[in-house]
Amino acid sequence: MPLQLIVDSLDTVPEPLRPNYVKADDGKFRLDLDGYEDPSNLKSALQKEREAAKAASKQAKAWADLGNTPEEISALLAQHAKAEEEALQGAGQWDKLKAQMLDQHKAELAKRDEALGKSRSRLERHLVDAQAVAAIAAHKGVAALLLPHVKAAVKVVEDGDDLVVRVVDAAGNPRVNAKGDYLSIADLVGEMRQDVIFGRAFEPTGTTGTGSKESPGAGGQKVMSEEAFNALPPKQRAQRMAEGYTIR
């Protein structure tokens, strides 16, 4: 009876011959022969080579169906690689275009801010000029002389959602009256009317440098209207009384 090279179980081998078998990696039993080499590795390598050859044959047939020679196929691959490289280089052009777009956007924002700044300047001039001219006219002053000085003593500030005019001191802080209210442009012009220097820019009606109305009465009597007298500071009122003015 011939001996089997590989058996699944030693039960199929006569007992005296069982010591001649060794257990293989796959769990089966192989006859222990001197010089024997396991053909499984060779079979695995052969199978891989067959699969690779099959894949190569399939790919070659696909290219052949296109009607291209191997040289033409190589040229097409080279062109494709070059196109990919140029596409990557084109990304640099996009960065340049993006930078130009950002610069253009910044320029447009700058123009808008400049336009808004000019609009605000015009609005501020309108607010100040309108109030200042009205106050100067009410006090019968000369706007051409007084307006620059009034504008130098005020500034436009934001009060919530509105723009308002505030009379300020030399440090730029808002001025208030005795009641704690903000000083108005009309109040400022009233102060200027009583000033020795600025009082000269108001309509003269027989007035002194303080802007008080005075006129000679009968027999050289000095006369002052009650309105003009009440507009004077207390010290100047006392001075007029000492000078013999009659209040009418």
Protein backbone atom coordinates (compact mmCIF):
# COMPACT_ATOMS: atom_id res chain seq x y z
CA MET A 1 0.00 0.00 0.00
CA PRO A 2 1.59 3.34 -1.09
CA LEU A 3 2.04 5.99 1.58
CA GLN A 4 0.11 9.23 1.22
CA LEU A 5 2.20 12.41 1.21
CA ILE A 6 -0.37 14.43 3.15
CA VAL A 7 -3.22 13.20 5.31
CA ASP A 8 -5.89 15.00 7.26
CA SER A 9 -5.58 12.70 10.24
CA LEU A 10 -3.09 10.09 11.43
CA ASP A 11 -5.99 7.71 11.95
CA THR A 12 -5.77 6.85 8.25
CA VAL A 13 -2.07 5.87 8.58
CA PRO A 14 -1.02 2.47 9.92
CA GLU A 15 0.15 2.89 13.46
CA PRO A 16 3.76 1.72 12.88
CA LEU A 17 4.15 4.44 10.20
CA ARG A 18 2.67 7.32 12.10
CA PRO A 19 6.05 8.42 13.57
CA ASN A 20 7.11 9.21 9.99
CA TYR A 21 4.53 12.02 9.72
CA VAL A 22 4.89 15.59 10.96
CA LYS A 23 2.17 18.16 11.51
CA ALA A 24 2.09 20.89 8.87
CA ASP A 25 1.19 24.56 9.35
CA ASP A 26 -2.28 24.02 7.98
CA GLY A 27 -3.08 21.39 10.60
CA LYS A 28 -2.66 18.43 8.31
CA PHE A 29 0.04 15.76 8.57
CA ARG A 30 2.87 15.46 6.00
CA LEU A 31 5.25 12.57 5.42
CA ASP A 32 8.62 13.63 6.74
CA LEU A 33 10.87 13.29 3.69
CA ASP A 34 14.51 14.30 3.52
CA GLY A 35 14.99 17.24 1.07
CA TYR A 36 11.29 17.99 0.83
CA GLU A 37 10.29 21.65 0.15
CA ASP A 38 6.78 22.97 0.77
CA PRO A 39 5.38 24.01 -2.61
CA SER A 40 2.74 26.34 -1.05
CA ASN A 41 5.01 29.39 -1.26
CA LEU A 42 5.79 28.63 -4.89
CA LYS A 43 2.10 28.21 -5.61
CA SER A 44 1.33 31.59 -3.94
CA ALA A 45 4.04 33.35 -5.94
CA LEU A 46 2.85 31.73 -9.11
CA GLN A 47 -0.71 32.83 -8.44
CA LYS A 48 0.42 36.45 -7.90
CA GLU A 49 2.37 36.43 -11.13
CA ARG A 50 -0.63 35.10 -13.00
CA GLU A 51 -2.87 37.83 -11.55
CA ALA A 52 -0.32 40.56 -12.40
CA ALA A 53 0.01 39.24 -15.96
CA LYS A 54 -3.77 39.20 -16.28
CA ALA A 55 -4.08 42.80 -15.05
CA ALA A 56 -1.29 43.95 -17.39
CA SER A 57 -2.95 42.22 -20.29
CA LYS A 58 -6.26 43.86 -19.47
CA GLN A 59 -4.65 47.32 -19.23
CA ALA A 60 -2.73 46.80 -22.49
CA LYS A 61 -5.96 45.82 -24.22
CA ALA A 62 -7.65 48.98 -22.88
CA TRP A 63 -4.88 51.18 -24.35
CA ALA A 64 -4.92 49.19 -27.55
CA ASP A 65 -8.65 49.82 -27.90
CA LEU A 66 -7.84 53.54 -27.92
CA GLY A 67 -5.72 53.02 -31.03
CA ASN A 68 -2.53 54.47 -29.47
CA THR A 69 0.97 53.12 -29.67
CA PRO A 70 3.06 52.81 -26.49
CA GLU A 71 5.00 55.92 -27.56
CA GLU A 72 1.80 57.90 -28.02
CA ILE A 73 0.53 56.74 -24.65
CA SER A 74 3.78 57.92 -23.01
CA ALA A 75 3.39 61.29 -24.72
CA LEU A 76 -0.20 61.60 -23.44
CA LEU A 77 0.90 60.81 -19.91
CA ALA A 78 3.65 63.44 -20.15
CA GLN A 79 1.12 66.05 -21.37
CA HIS A 80 -1.19 65.21 -18.48
CA ALA A 81 1.62 65.63 -15.96
CA LYS A 82 2.55 68.97 -17.50
CA ALA A 83 -1.07 70.17 -17.34
CA GLU A 84 -1.22 69.32 -13.65
CA GLU A 85 2.02 71.24 -13.05
CA GLU A 86 0.68 74.30 -14.90
CA ALA A 87 -2.54 74.12 -12.87
CA LEU A 88 -0.50 74.23 -9.66
CA GLN A 89 1.47 77.19 -10.97
CA GLY A 90 -1.80 78.88 -11.85
CA ALA A 91 -2.65 78.93 -8.15
CA GLY A 92 -0.05 81.65 -7.81
CA GLN A 93 -2.02 83.74 -10.30
CA TRP A 94 -5.12 83.31 -8.16
CA ASP A 95 -3.22 84.56 -5.11
CA LYS A 96 -2.20 87.61 -7.12
CA LEU A 97 -5.77 88.21 -8.27
CA LYS A 98 -7.05 87.79 -4.72
CA ALA A 99 -4.53 90.37 -3.48
CA GLN A 100 -5.68 92.81 -6.18
CA MET A 101 -9.30 92.28 -5.17
CA LEU A 102 -8.44 92.98 -1.52
CA ASP A 103 -6.56 96.15 -2.47
CA GLN A 104 -9.53 97.31 -4.55
CA HIS A 105 -11.89 96.62 -1.64
CA LYS A 106 -9.69 98.61 0.73
CA ALA A 107 -9.60 101.51 -1.74
CA GLU A 108 -13.40 101.48 -2.00
CA LEU A 109 -13.73 101.49 1.79
CA ALA A 110 -11.31 104.42 2.00
CA LYS A 111 -13.38 106.36 -0.55
CA ARG A 112 -16.55 105.61 1.38
CA ASP A 113 -14.97 106.73 4.67
CA GLU A 114 -13.74 109.91 2.97
CA ALA A 115 -17.22 110.61 1.60
CA LEU A 116 -18.77 110.00 5.03
CA GLY A 117 -16.19 112.29 6.61
CA LYS A 118 -16.99 115.07 4.16
CA SER A 119 -20.73 114.61 4.73
CA ARG A 120 -20.24 114.86 8.50
CA SER A 121 -18.08 117.97 8.10
CA ARG A 122 -20.79 119.64 6.03
CA LEU A 123 -23.42 118.68 8.60
CA GLU A 124 -21.28 120.02 11.45
CA ARG A 125 -20.71 123.31 9.63
CA HIS A 126 -24.44 123.61 9.01
CA LEU A 127 -25.28 122.94 12.67
CA VAL A 128 -22.73 125.43 13.99
CA ASP A 129 -23.23 128.12 11.37
CA ALA A 130 -27.03 128.05 11.64
CA GLN A 131 -27.05 128.41 15.41
CA ALA A 132 -24.18 130.88 15.52
CA VAL A 133 -25.58 133.19 12.84
CA ALA A 134 -29.02 133.16 14.50
CA ALA A 135 -27.53 134.00 17.93
CA ILE A 136 -25.34 136.77 16.54
CA ALA A 137 -28.28 138.28 14.67
CA ALA A 138 -30.44 138.17 17.81
CA HIS A 139 -27.78 140.13 19.68
CA LYS A 140 -27.30 142.50 16.70
CA GLY A 141 -23.70 141.52 16.15
CA VAL A 142 -21.59 141.45 12.99
CA ALA A 143 -21.52 137.84 11.83
CA ALA A 144 -18.47 138.31 9.58
CA LEU A 145 -16.42 139.36 12.61
CA LEU A 146 -17.89 137.15 15.30
CA LEU A 147 -18.59 133.87 13.48
CA PRO A 148 -14.95 132.62 13.36
CA HIS A 149 -14.56 133.20 17.10
CA VAL A 150 -17.85 131.48 17.91
CA LYS A 151 -16.91 128.45 15.80
CA ALA A 152 -13.51 128.27 17.53
CA ALA A 153 -15.26 128.00 20.91
CA VAL A 154 -17.62 125.12 20.03
CA LYS A 155 -17.45 121.55 18.76
CA VAL A 156 -19.95 118.99 17.49
CA VAL A 157 -20.28 115.80 19.56
CA GLU A 158 -22.43 112.68 19.40
CA ASP A 159 -25.30 112.53 21.87
CA GLY A 160 -26.84 109.09 21.38
CA ASP A 161 -27.88 108.95 17.74
CA ASP A 162 -27.79 112.75 17.33
CA LEU A 163 -25.09 115.34 16.68
CA VAL A 164 -25.21 118.34 19.01
CA VAL A 165 -23.18 121.52 19.36
CA ARG A 166 -21.36 122.07 22.65
CA VAL A 167 -19.63 125.25 23.84
CA VAL A 168 -16.21 124.21 25.16
CA ASP A 169 -13.39 125.73 27.16
CA ALA A 170 -9.74 126.04 26.12
CA ALA A 171 -9.15 122.39 27.06
CA GLY A 172 -12.04 121.21 24.88
CA ASN A 173 -14.34 120.34 27.79
CA PRO A 174 -18.05 121.26 27.59
CA ARG A 175 -18.99 124.40 29.53
CA VAL A 176 -22.03 124.59 31.80
CA ASN A 177 -23.95 127.45 33.39
CA ALA A 178 -24.76 127.99 37.05
CA LYS A 179 -27.63 125.51 36.82
CA GLY A 180 -25.38 122.78 35.46
CA ASP A 181 -26.91 122.95 31.98
CA TYR A 182 -24.72 122.97 28.90
CA LEU A 183 -23.93 126.47 27.71
CA SER A 184 -25.65 127.28 24.40
CA ILE A 185 -24.28 129.24 21.48
CA ALA A 186 -26.76 132.00 22.36
CA ASP A 187 -25.24 132.12 25.86
CA LEU A 188 -21.76 132.30 24.35
CA VAL A 189 -22.71 135.20 22.06
CA GLY A 190 -24.30 136.97 25.04
CA GLU A 191 -20.97 136.72 26.88
CA MET A 192 -19.14 138.08 23.85
CA ARG A 193 -21.50 141.06 23.71
CA GLN A 194 -20.43 142.00 27.26
CA ASP A 195 -16.74 141.54 26.46
CA VAL A 196 -14.62 144.69 26.12
CA ILE A 197 -13.07 143.47 22.84
CA PHE A 198 -15.87 141.47 21.21
CA GLY A 199 -18.47 144.05 22.32
CA ARG A 200 -17.19 146.34 19.57
CA ALA A 201 -18.49 143.88 16.95
CA PHE A 202 -22.10 144.43 18.00
CA GLU A 203 -24.41 147.10 16.63
CA PRO A 204 -23.48 150.49 18.16
CA THR A 205 -26.43 152.49 19.51
CA GLY A 206 -24.71 155.09 21.60
CA THR A 207 -23.04 152.27 23.49
CA THR A 208 -19.86 151.83 25.42
CA GLY A 209 -17.47 148.96 24.85
CA THR A 210 -19.78 146.77 26.90
CA GLY A 211 -22.67 147.11 24.45
CA SER A 212 -25.01 148.88 26.93
CA LYS A 213 -27.41 151.41 25.40
CA GLU A 214 -26.82 154.94 26.65
CA SER A 215 -28.13 158.30 25.50
CA PRO A 216 -27.88 161.87 26.82
CA GLY A 217 -31.08 163.21 28.34
CA ALA A 218 -32.32 166.79 28.70
CA GLY A 219 -29.73 169.09 30.14
CA GLY A 220 -26.97 166.53 29.53
CA GLN A 221 -28.60 163.90 31.74
CA LYS A 222 -27.34 160.39 31.10
CA VAL A 223 -30.12 157.92 30.24
CA MET A 224 -30.04 154.09 29.84
CA SER A 225 -32.85 151.74 28.94
CA GLU A 226 -33.96 149.27 31.56
CA GLU A 227 -33.27 146.38 29.18
CA ALA A 228 -29.68 147.48 28.59
CA PHE A 229 -29.13 148.09 32.30
CA ASN A 230 -30.38 144.64 33.26
CA ALA A 231 -28.06 143.07 30.68
CA LEU A 232 -24.99 144.51 32.44
CA PRO A 233 -23.02 142.60 35.08
CA PRO A 234 -23.67 143.78 38.68
CA LYS A 235 -20.36 145.66 38.86
CA GLN A 236 -21.11 147.70 35.73
CA ARG A 237 -24.64 148.39 36.93
CA ALA A 238 -23.22 149.92 40.12
CA GLN A 239 -20.78 151.95 38.04
CA ARG A 240 -23.59 153.36 35.88
CA MET A 241 -25.58 154.32 38.93
CA ALA A 242 -22.52 156.06 40.38
CA GLU A 243 -22.07 157.96 37.13
CA GLY A 244 -25.59 159.34 37.47
CA TYR A 245 -27.41 157.39 34.76
CA THR A 246 -31.18 157.44 34.71
CA ILE A 247 -32.85 154.11 33.94
CA ARG A 248 -35.98 154.29 31.73
